[in-house]
Amino acid sequence: MTNNLAHTMLRVGDPESIIEFYREAFGWERRRTSENETFTLYFIGPPDQEAEIELTHNHGEDDAYEKSRSFGHIAVRTEEGQSLQEAYEKAVDAGGEDFRPPEECPGNYAFVKDPEGFEVEIIA
């Protein structure tokens, strides 16, 4: 028996832009929101999987957080039948930053940055 991944947490300054980006780029959904006195938690993820990302917004901290060098990236796979180039362009059109396009990466992957600046690897 193994333990399944539940979630990973990212601190964000503008949760709505992040939620919209992952919805438009990858078809993810907002699953639930937990309002607290000093922070709000937003849980997002693919509709057909249990794993999710917890977006933590600390009230009064609306600027992007300084990124730690210890965190690398989030990785998602292309949809069945979708080319890497199509997935990359969809992510950029959804508000992702054109960061490392497929032609610059040696293999079947590429990178965009989400609206908070987190790197997202797209794997074909």
Protein backbone atom coordinates (compact mmCIF):
# COMPACT_ATOMS: atom_id res chain seq x y z
CA MET A 1 0.00 0.00 0.00
CA THR A 2 1.22 3.51 -0.77
CA ASN A 3 0.26 6.95 0.40
CA ASN A 4 -1.33 9.08 -2.34
CA LEU A 5 -0.28 12.66 -2.89
CA ALA A 6 -2.95 14.96 -1.42
CA HIS A 7 -1.72 18.45 -2.27
CA THR A 8 1.12 20.90 -2.39
CA MET A 9 0.78 24.49 -1.19
CA LEU A 10 1.78 27.74 -2.89
CA ARG A 11 1.53 31.19 -1.31
CA VAL A 12 -0.03 33.63 -3.76
CA GLY A 13 -0.85 37.32 -3.84
CA ASP A 14 -3.62 37.15 -6.47
CA PRO A 15 -5.45 33.83 -6.16
CA GLU A 16 -8.14 34.63 -8.72
CA SER A 17 -5.59 35.15 -11.53
CA ILE A 18 -3.92 31.83 -10.66
CA ILE A 19 -7.23 29.95 -10.54
CA GLU A 20 -8.24 31.40 -13.91
CA PHE A 21 -4.85 30.54 -15.45
CA TYR A 22 -4.96 26.87 -14.42
CA ARG A 23 -8.61 26.61 -15.52
CA GLU A 24 -7.94 28.13 -18.96
CA ALA A 25 -4.55 26.48 -19.56
CA PHE A 26 -5.15 22.99 -18.18
CA GLY A 27 -8.88 22.56 -17.50
CA TRP A 28 -8.46 22.50 -13.72
CA GLU A 29 -11.29 23.41 -11.39
CA ARG A 30 -11.68 25.20 -8.09
CA ARG A 31 -12.72 22.51 -5.65
CA ARG A 32 -13.28 24.39 -2.45
CA THR A 33 -12.42 27.54 -0.56
CA SER A 34 -11.72 27.86 3.15
CA GLU A 35 -12.09 31.38 4.56
CA ASN A 36 -10.16 32.08 7.75
CA GLU A 37 -9.57 35.24 9.78
CA THR A 38 -6.10 36.01 8.42
CA PHE A 39 -5.90 33.85 5.28
CA THR A 40 -7.97 32.08 2.65
CA LEU A 41 -7.21 28.67 1.14
CA TYR A 42 -8.21 27.81 -2.43
CA PHE A 43 -7.92 24.22 -3.63
CA ILE A 44 -7.59 23.58 -7.37
CA GLY A 45 -6.86 20.51 -9.45
CA PRO A 46 -7.73 18.36 -12.45
CA PRO A 47 -11.38 17.25 -12.32
CA ASP A 48 -10.50 13.58 -12.83
CA GLN A 49 -7.74 13.32 -10.20
CA GLU A 50 -7.52 13.63 -6.42
CA ALA A 51 -4.21 15.53 -6.18
CA GLU A 52 -4.54 19.28 -5.91
CA ILE A 53 -2.72 22.52 -5.29
CA GLU A 54 -3.59 24.53 -2.20
CA LEU A 55 -3.28 28.25 -2.92
CA THR A 56 -2.79 30.20 0.30
CA HIS A 57 -3.58 33.91 0.26
CA ASN A 58 -2.56 35.71 3.45
CA HIS A 59 -4.87 38.70 3.85
CA GLY A 60 -3.11 42.02 3.43
CA GLU A 61 -0.29 40.48 1.38
CA ASP A 62 -1.38 41.10 -2.19
CA ASP A 63 2.05 41.33 -3.79
CA ALA A 64 3.80 38.32 -5.29
CA TYR A 65 5.91 36.44 -2.78
CA GLU A 66 9.66 36.13 -3.13
CA LYS A 67 10.31 32.73 -4.67
CA SER A 68 12.53 30.31 -2.78
CA ARG A 69 15.35 28.65 -4.66
CA SER A 70 14.41 25.38 -3.00
CA PHE A 71 11.16 25.16 -5.00
CA GLY A 72 11.58 24.14 -8.64
CA HIS A 73 8.36 23.80 -10.60
CA ILE A 74 4.94 22.23 -11.06
CA ALA A 75 4.65 19.67 -13.87
CA VAL A 76 1.56 18.76 -15.90
CA ARG A 77 1.10 16.37 -18.81
CA THR A 78 -0.49 17.24 -22.13
CA GLU A 79 -4.01 16.03 -22.78
CA GLU A 80 -4.38 12.83 -24.78
CA GLY A 81 -3.96 13.71 -28.46
CA GLN A 82 -2.65 17.21 -27.70
CA SER A 83 0.77 18.17 -29.00
CA LEU A 84 3.34 19.83 -26.78
CA GLN A 85 3.20 22.94 -28.97
CA GLU A 86 -0.60 23.11 -28.67
CA ALA A 87 -0.45 22.76 -24.88
CA TYR A 88 2.29 25.38 -24.65
CA GLU A 89 0.39 27.90 -26.79
CA LYS A 90 -2.81 27.28 -24.80
CA ALA A 91 -0.96 28.01 -21.55
CA VAL A 92 0.57 31.21 -22.96
CA ASP A 93 -2.83 32.31 -24.34
CA ALA A 94 -4.31 31.71 -20.86
CA GLY A 95 -1.90 34.24 -19.35
CA GLY A 96 1.24 32.18 -18.87
CA GLU A 97 4.61 33.78 -19.54
CA ASP A 98 6.45 32.50 -22.63
CA PHE A 99 9.44 31.11 -20.72
CA ARG A 100 11.08 28.05 -22.33
CA PRO A 101 9.22 27.02 -25.49
CA PRO A 102 9.41 23.46 -26.86
CA GLU A 103 12.09 24.33 -29.41
CA GLU A 104 14.44 25.45 -26.61
CA CYS A 105 14.08 22.27 -24.55
CA PRO A 106 15.92 19.03 -25.39
CA GLY A 107 13.08 16.55 -25.13
CA ASN A 108 9.32 16.41 -24.90
CA TYR A 109 8.79 19.26 -22.47
CA ALA A 110 8.52 23.05 -22.22
CA PHE A 111 8.04 25.64 -19.47
CA VAL A 112 5.72 28.59 -18.92
CA LYS A 113 5.41 30.77 -15.83
CA ASP A 114 2.00 31.22 -14.23
CA PRO A 115 0.72 34.70 -13.28
CA GLU A 116 2.55 34.54 -9.92
CA GLY A 117 5.83 33.56 -11.60
CA PHE A 118 5.84 29.86 -10.66
CA GLU A 119 7.41 27.68 -13.34
CA VAL A 120 5.07 25.11 -14.90
CA GLU A 121 6.62 22.28 -16.90
CA ILE A 122 4.44 20.85 -19.65
CA ILE A 123 5.36 17.26 -20.52
CA ALA A 124 4.22 15.50 -23.70
